[in-house]
Amino acid sequence: MKLPEQGVLLRIFVGETDLLDGKPLYERIVLKAKELNLAGATVVRGLMGYGAHSRLHTAKLLRLSDDLPVIIEIVDTQEKLDTLLPFLDETVAEGLITMEKVRVVKYRSAPDK
């Protein structure tokens, strides 16, 4: 797959304990992105954060949170990312979803061995 130089970054902020049908929401989002043949997805676990409710979530030793922030990042074309938006609208009950233009410098996989 080749990505054009002008791409779009879709960023989805949810909680680590957010579930969809008993499975982590972030996992369901990545699997849906793969099903839609998007270029790729990465899930990053945050060490600290807060959202619309202003509740602080942190991984500090003295105050372990069971709901750390999770960010799912996907870069692809606007048209391809638009195919994921209805799924996100249905499944992300709490969180934040952003999109921004990005310059794709390189997108390659290693040759198969």
N, C-alpha and C. Protein backbone atom coordinates (compact mmCIF):
# COMPACT_ATOMS: atom_id res chain seq x y z
N MET A 1 0.85 -1.18 0.00
CA MET A 1 0.00 0.00 0.00
C MET A 1 0.89 1.24 0.00
N LYS A 2 0.53 2.22 -0.76
CA LYS A 2 1.26 3.48 -0.82
C LYS A 2 0.36 4.59 -0.29
N LEU A 3 0.93 5.43 0.53
CA LEU A 3 0.21 6.58 1.04
C LEU A 3 0.69 7.83 0.31
N PRO A 4 -0.22 8.74 -0.01
CA PRO A 4 0.21 10.00 -0.60
C PRO A 4 0.94 10.84 0.45
N GLU A 5 1.73 11.79 -0.02
CA GLU A 5 2.49 12.63 0.91
C GLU A 5 1.56 13.40 1.84
N GLN A 6 0.41 13.83 1.37
CA GLN A 6 -0.54 14.55 2.21
C GLN A 6 -1.53 13.54 2.79
N GLY A 7 -1.41 13.26 4.07
CA GLY A 7 -2.30 12.32 4.74
C GLY A 7 -3.08 13.00 5.84
N VAL A 8 -3.83 12.20 6.58
CA VAL A 8 -4.61 12.70 7.70
C VAL A 8 -4.36 11.78 8.89
N LEU A 9 -4.16 12.39 10.06
CA LEU A 9 -3.97 11.67 11.30
C LEU A 9 -5.29 11.69 12.07
N LEU A 10 -5.81 10.51 12.33
CA LEU A 10 -7.00 10.36 13.16
C LEU A 10 -6.52 9.93 14.53
N ARG A 11 -6.92 10.68 15.56
CA ARG A 11 -6.50 10.38 16.93
C ARG A 11 -7.75 10.19 17.77
N ILE A 12 -7.82 9.06 18.48
CA ILE A 12 -8.99 8.73 19.28
C ILE A 12 -8.53 8.54 20.72
N PHE A 13 -9.09 9.33 21.63
CA PHE A 13 -8.75 9.26 23.05
C PHE A 13 -9.90 8.57 23.78
N VAL A 14 -9.61 7.44 24.43
CA VAL A 14 -10.61 6.72 25.22
C VAL A 14 -9.97 6.26 26.52
N GLY A 15 -10.75 5.63 27.37
CA GLY A 15 -10.23 5.08 28.60
C GLY A 15 -9.80 3.64 28.40
N GLU A 16 -8.80 3.23 29.16
CA GLU A 16 -8.28 1.88 29.06
C GLU A 16 -9.33 0.82 29.38
N THR A 17 -10.28 1.15 30.25
CA THR A 17 -11.29 0.17 30.66
C THR A 17 -12.58 0.28 29.86
N ASP A 18 -12.63 1.16 28.87
CA ASP A 18 -13.82 1.25 28.02
C ASP A 18 -13.97 -0.04 27.24
N LEU A 19 -15.17 -0.60 27.26
CA LEU A 19 -15.42 -1.90 26.62
C LEU A 19 -16.47 -1.79 25.53
N LEU A 20 -16.40 -2.72 24.59
CA LEU A 20 -17.43 -2.91 23.57
C LEU A 20 -17.65 -4.41 23.45
N ASP A 21 -18.83 -4.86 23.81
CA ASP A 21 -19.16 -6.29 23.79
C ASP A 21 -18.15 -7.12 24.59
N GLY A 22 -17.73 -6.59 25.75
CA GLY A 22 -16.84 -7.33 26.63
C GLY A 22 -15.37 -7.29 26.29
N LYS A 23 -15.00 -6.61 25.21
CA LYS A 23 -13.59 -6.50 24.80
C LYS A 23 -13.16 -5.03 24.89
N PRO A 24 -11.87 -4.78 25.09
CA PRO A 24 -11.41 -3.39 25.14
C PRO A 24 -11.80 -2.61 23.88
N LEU A 25 -12.33 -1.41 24.07
CA LEU A 25 -12.75 -0.58 22.94
C LEU A 25 -11.59 -0.29 22.00
N TYR A 26 -10.41 -0.01 22.55
CA TYR A 26 -9.26 0.29 21.69
C TYR A 26 -8.94 -0.89 20.78
N GLU A 27 -9.09 -2.11 21.30
CA GLU A 27 -8.84 -3.31 20.49
C GLU A 27 -9.87 -3.41 19.36
N ARG A 28 -11.13 -3.16 19.68
CA ARG A 28 -12.19 -3.21 18.66
C ARG A 28 -11.97 -2.18 17.57
N ILE A 29 -11.49 -0.99 17.96
CA ILE A 29 -11.23 0.06 16.97
C ILE A 29 -10.10 -0.35 16.03
N VAL A 30 -9.03 -0.91 16.57
CA VAL A 30 -7.90 -1.35 15.74
C VAL A 30 -8.35 -2.48 14.80
N LEU A 31 -9.12 -3.42 15.31
CA LEU A 31 -9.59 -4.52 14.46
C LEU A 31 -10.51 -4.02 13.36
N LYS A 32 -11.35 -3.02 13.67
CA LYS A 32 -12.22 -2.43 12.64
C LYS A 32 -11.39 -1.70 11.59
N ALA A 33 -10.35 -0.98 12.02
CA ALA A 33 -9.46 -0.29 11.08
C ALA A 33 -8.79 -1.30 10.15
N LYS A 34 -8.36 -2.43 10.70
CA LYS A 34 -7.74 -3.48 9.88
C LYS A 34 -8.75 -4.06 8.90
N GLU A 35 -9.98 -4.30 9.39
CA GLU A 35 -11.05 -4.81 8.52
C GLU A 35 -11.32 -3.87 7.35
N LEU A 36 -11.22 -2.56 7.60
CA LEU A 36 -11.45 -1.56 6.56
C LEU A 36 -10.21 -1.30 5.70
N ASN A 37 -9.15 -2.06 5.97
CA ASN A 37 -7.91 -1.97 5.20
C ASN A 37 -7.25 -0.60 5.30
N LEU A 38 -7.31 0.00 6.48
CA LEU A 38 -6.61 1.26 6.69
C LEU A 38 -5.12 0.97 6.81
N ALA A 39 -4.29 1.98 6.60
CA ALA A 39 -2.84 1.79 6.49
C ALA A 39 -2.21 1.18 7.74
N GLY A 40 -2.72 1.49 8.92
CA GLY A 40 -2.16 0.95 10.16
C GLY A 40 -2.72 1.71 11.34
N ALA A 41 -2.55 1.15 12.51
CA ALA A 41 -3.04 1.77 13.74
C ALA A 41 -2.07 1.47 14.87
N THR A 42 -1.94 2.42 15.78
CA THR A 42 -1.09 2.27 16.94
C THR A 42 -1.87 2.68 18.18
N VAL A 43 -1.75 1.89 19.24
CA VAL A 43 -2.38 2.21 20.52
C VAL A 43 -1.29 2.59 21.50
N VAL A 44 -1.46 3.73 22.15
CA VAL A 44 -0.51 4.23 23.13
C VAL A 44 -1.23 4.39 24.46
N ARG A 45 -0.62 3.87 25.52
CA ARG A 45 -1.20 3.98 26.86
C ARG A 45 -0.60 5.19 27.56
N GLY A 46 -1.45 6.07 28.04
CA GLY A 46 -0.98 7.28 28.71
C GLY A 46 -0.61 7.03 30.16
N LEU A 47 0.33 7.79 30.67
CA LEU A 47 0.74 7.69 32.06
C LEU A 47 -0.12 8.55 32.97
N MET A 48 -0.70 9.59 32.39
CA MET A 48 -1.50 10.52 33.18
C MET A 48 -2.39 11.32 32.25
N GLY A 49 -3.57 11.67 32.71
CA GLY A 49 -4.44 12.51 31.90
C GLY A 49 -5.77 12.74 32.56
N TYR A 50 -6.56 13.62 31.95
CA TYR A 50 -7.94 13.84 32.37
C TYR A 50 -8.72 14.28 31.16
N GLY A 51 -10.03 14.13 31.25
CA GLY A 51 -10.87 14.47 30.11
C GLY A 51 -12.02 15.36 30.51
N ALA A 52 -13.15 15.18 29.85
CA ALA A 52 -14.30 16.05 30.01
C ALA A 52 -14.83 16.09 31.44
N HIS A 53 -14.66 15.01 32.21
CA HIS A 53 -15.13 14.97 33.60
C HIS A 53 -14.11 15.55 34.58
N SER A 54 -12.93 15.90 34.10
CA SER A 54 -11.84 16.46 34.90
C SER A 54 -11.35 15.54 36.01
N ARG A 55 -11.61 14.23 35.88
CA ARG A 55 -11.06 13.26 36.83
C ARG A 55 -9.64 12.93 36.40
N LEU A 56 -8.70 13.03 37.33
CA LEU A 56 -7.31 12.75 37.03
C LEU A 56 -7.06 11.25 37.06
N HIS A 57 -6.43 10.74 36.02
CA HIS A 57 -6.04 9.33 35.92
C HIS A 57 -4.52 9.30 35.86
N THR A 58 -3.90 8.50 36.71
CA THR A 58 -2.44 8.48 36.76
C THR A 58 -1.92 7.08 37.05
N ALA A 59 -0.69 6.82 36.63
CA ALA A 59 -0.05 5.53 36.87
C ALA A 59 0.96 5.62 38.01
N LYS A 60 0.90 6.70 38.80
CA LYS A 60 1.84 6.84 39.91
C LYS A 60 1.67 5.69 40.89
N LEU A 61 2.76 5.27 41.49
CA LEU A 61 2.75 4.12 42.38
C LEU A 61 1.76 4.26 43.54
N LEU A 62 1.72 5.42 44.16
CA LEU A 62 0.87 5.58 45.33
C LEU A 62 -0.61 5.68 44.99
N ARG A 63 -0.90 5.94 43.72
CA ARG A 63 -2.29 6.12 43.32
C ARG A 63 -2.50 5.46 41.97
N LEU A 64 -2.65 4.16 41.98
CA LEU A 64 -2.81 3.43 40.72
C LEU A 64 -4.21 3.63 40.17
N SER A 65 -4.28 4.00 38.93
CA SER A 65 -5.57 4.17 38.26
C SER A 65 -5.89 2.91 37.48
N ASP A 66 -7.15 2.54 37.48
CA ASP A 66 -7.55 1.38 36.69
C ASP A 66 -8.14 1.81 35.35
N ASP A 67 -8.03 3.08 35.03
CA ASP A 67 -8.59 3.57 33.78
C ASP A 67 -7.69 4.64 33.17
N LEU A 68 -6.49 4.23 32.79
CA LEU A 68 -5.55 5.19 32.20
C LEU A 68 -6.01 5.58 30.80
N PRO A 69 -5.57 6.76 30.34
CA PRO A 69 -5.94 7.18 28.99
C PRO A 69 -5.26 6.30 27.94
N VAL A 70 -5.96 6.07 26.84
CA VAL A 70 -5.44 5.32 25.71
C VAL A 70 -5.69 6.15 24.46
N ILE A 71 -4.67 6.21 23.60
CA ILE A 71 -4.78 6.96 22.35
C ILE A 71 -4.56 5.99 21.20
N ILE A 72 -5.50 5.99 20.26
CA ILE A 72 -5.36 5.20 19.04
C ILE A 72 -5.05 6.18 17.92
N GLU A 73 -3.94 5.96 17.21
CA GLU A 73 -3.56 6.82 16.10
C GLU A 73 -3.58 6.04 14.80
N ILE A 74 -4.19 6.65 13.79
CA ILE A 74 -4.29 6.04 12.47
C ILE A 74 -3.99 7.12 11.44
N VAL A 75 -3.08 6.84 10.51
CA VAL A 75 -2.78 7.77 9.42
C VAL A 75 -3.18 7.12 8.11
N ASP A 76 -3.96 7.83 7.32
CA ASP A 76 -4.38 7.35 6.00
C ASP A 76 -4.94 8.55 5.25
N THR A 77 -5.62 8.31 4.16
CA THR A 77 -6.26 9.40 3.42
C THR A 77 -7.58 9.77 4.11
N GLN A 78 -8.04 10.97 3.85
CA GLN A 78 -9.31 11.42 4.42
C GLN A 78 -10.45 10.48 4.02
N GLU A 79 -10.47 10.09 2.76
CA GLU A 79 -11.55 9.24 2.25
C GLU A 79 -11.58 7.89 2.98
N LYS A 80 -10.42 7.30 3.21
CA LYS A 80 -10.38 6.00 3.89
C LYS A 80 -10.74 6.14 5.36
N LEU A 81 -10.26 7.20 6.00
CA LEU A 81 -10.60 7.40 7.41
C LEU A 81 -12.09 7.67 7.60
N ASP A 82 -12.70 8.32 6.61
CA ASP A 82 -14.14 8.58 6.69
C ASP A 82 -14.95 7.30 6.78
N THR A 83 -14.41 6.19 6.29
CA THR A 83 -15.15 4.92 6.37
C THR A 83 -15.21 4.39 7.81
N LEU A 84 -14.29 4.85 8.66
CA LEU A 84 -14.27 4.42 10.06
C LEU A 84 -15.15 5.29 10.95
N LEU A 85 -15.45 6.50 10.54
CA LEU A 85 -16.16 7.45 11.40
C LEU A 85 -17.54 6.97 11.87
N PRO A 86 -18.36 6.33 11.03
CA PRO A 86 -19.65 5.84 11.55
C PRO A 86 -19.48 4.83 12.68
N PHE A 87 -18.50 3.95 12.58
CA PHE A 87 -18.22 2.99 13.64
C PHE A 87 -17.83 3.71 14.93
N LEU A 88 -16.97 4.72 14.81
CA LEU A 88 -16.54 5.48 15.98
C LEU A 88 -17.71 6.24 16.60
N ASP A 89 -18.57 6.78 15.77
CA ASP A 89 -19.74 7.51 16.27
C ASP A 89 -20.64 6.60 17.10
N GLU A 90 -20.76 5.36 16.68
CA GLU A 90 -21.60 4.38 17.41
C GLU A 90 -20.94 3.88 18.68
N THR A 91 -19.62 3.74 18.70
CA THR A 91 -18.96 3.01 19.77
C THR A 91 -18.24 3.86 20.81
N VAL A 92 -17.83 5.06 20.47
CA VAL A 92 -17.10 5.90 21.42
C VAL A 92 -18.11 6.77 22.15
N ALA A 93 -18.51 6.30 23.34
CA ALA A 93 -19.52 7.02 24.13
C ALA A 93 -18.89 8.20 24.87
N GLU A 94 -17.66 8.02 25.35
CA GLU A 94 -16.92 9.08 26.04
C GLU A 94 -15.53 9.13 25.45
N GLY A 95 -15.01 10.32 25.26
CA GLY A 95 -13.66 10.45 24.73
C GLY A 95 -13.56 11.64 23.82
N LEU A 96 -12.52 11.63 23.01
CA LEU A 96 -12.24 12.72 22.08
C LEU A 96 -11.71 12.12 20.79
N ILE A 97 -12.16 12.66 19.67
CA ILE A 97 -11.69 12.22 18.36
C ILE A 97 -11.24 13.47 17.60
N THR A 98 -10.00 13.44 17.10
CA THR A 98 -9.49 14.58 16.33
C THR A 98 -8.92 14.09 15.01
N MET A 99 -8.85 15.01 14.06
CA MET A 99 -8.22 14.75 12.76
C MET A 99 -7.38 15.96 12.40
N GLU A 100 -6.21 15.69 11.82
CA GLU A 100 -5.37 16.79 11.36
C GLU A 100 -4.56 16.34 10.16
N LYS A 101 -4.23 17.29 9.31
CA LYS A 101 -3.42 16.99 8.14
C LYS A 101 -1.99 16.71 8.58
N VAL A 102 -1.37 15.73 7.95
CA VAL A 102 0.02 15.40 8.23
C VAL A 102 0.76 15.18 6.92
N ARG A 103 2.06 15.36 6.97
CA ARG A 103 2.91 15.08 5.81
C ARG A 103 3.52 13.70 6.02
N VAL A 104 3.24 12.78 5.13
CA VAL A 104 3.78 11.42 5.21
C VAL A 104 5.16 11.44 4.55
N VAL A 105 6.19 11.17 5.33
CA VAL A 105 7.55 11.19 4.83
C VAL A 105 7.93 9.81 4.30
N LYS A 106 7.53 8.77 5.03
CA LYS A 106 7.86 7.41 4.60
C LYS A 106 6.83 6.46 5.17
N TYR A 107 6.39 5.50 4.36
CA TYR A 107 5.49 4.43 4.81
C TYR A 107 5.87 3.19 4.05
N ARG A 108 6.64 2.32 4.70
CA ARG A 108 7.13 1.11 4.03
C ARG A 108 7.15 -0.05 5.01
N SER A 109 7.09 -1.23 4.46
CA SER A 109 7.32 -2.42 5.26
C SER A 109 8.58 -3.09 4.74
N ALA A 110 9.21 -3.88 5.58
CA ALA A 110 10.41 -4.60 5.17
C ALA A 110 10.00 -5.70 4.19
N PRO A 111 10.88 -6.04 3.27
CA PRO A 111 10.56 -7.13 2.33
C PRO A 111 10.34 -8.44 3.09
N ASP A 112 9.45 -9.27 2.60
CA ASP A 112 9.21 -10.56 3.22
C ASP A 112 10.45 -11.41 3.13
N LYS A 113 10.73 -12.14 4.19
CA LYS A 113 11.93 -13.00 4.22
C LYS A 113 11.62 -14.39 3.77
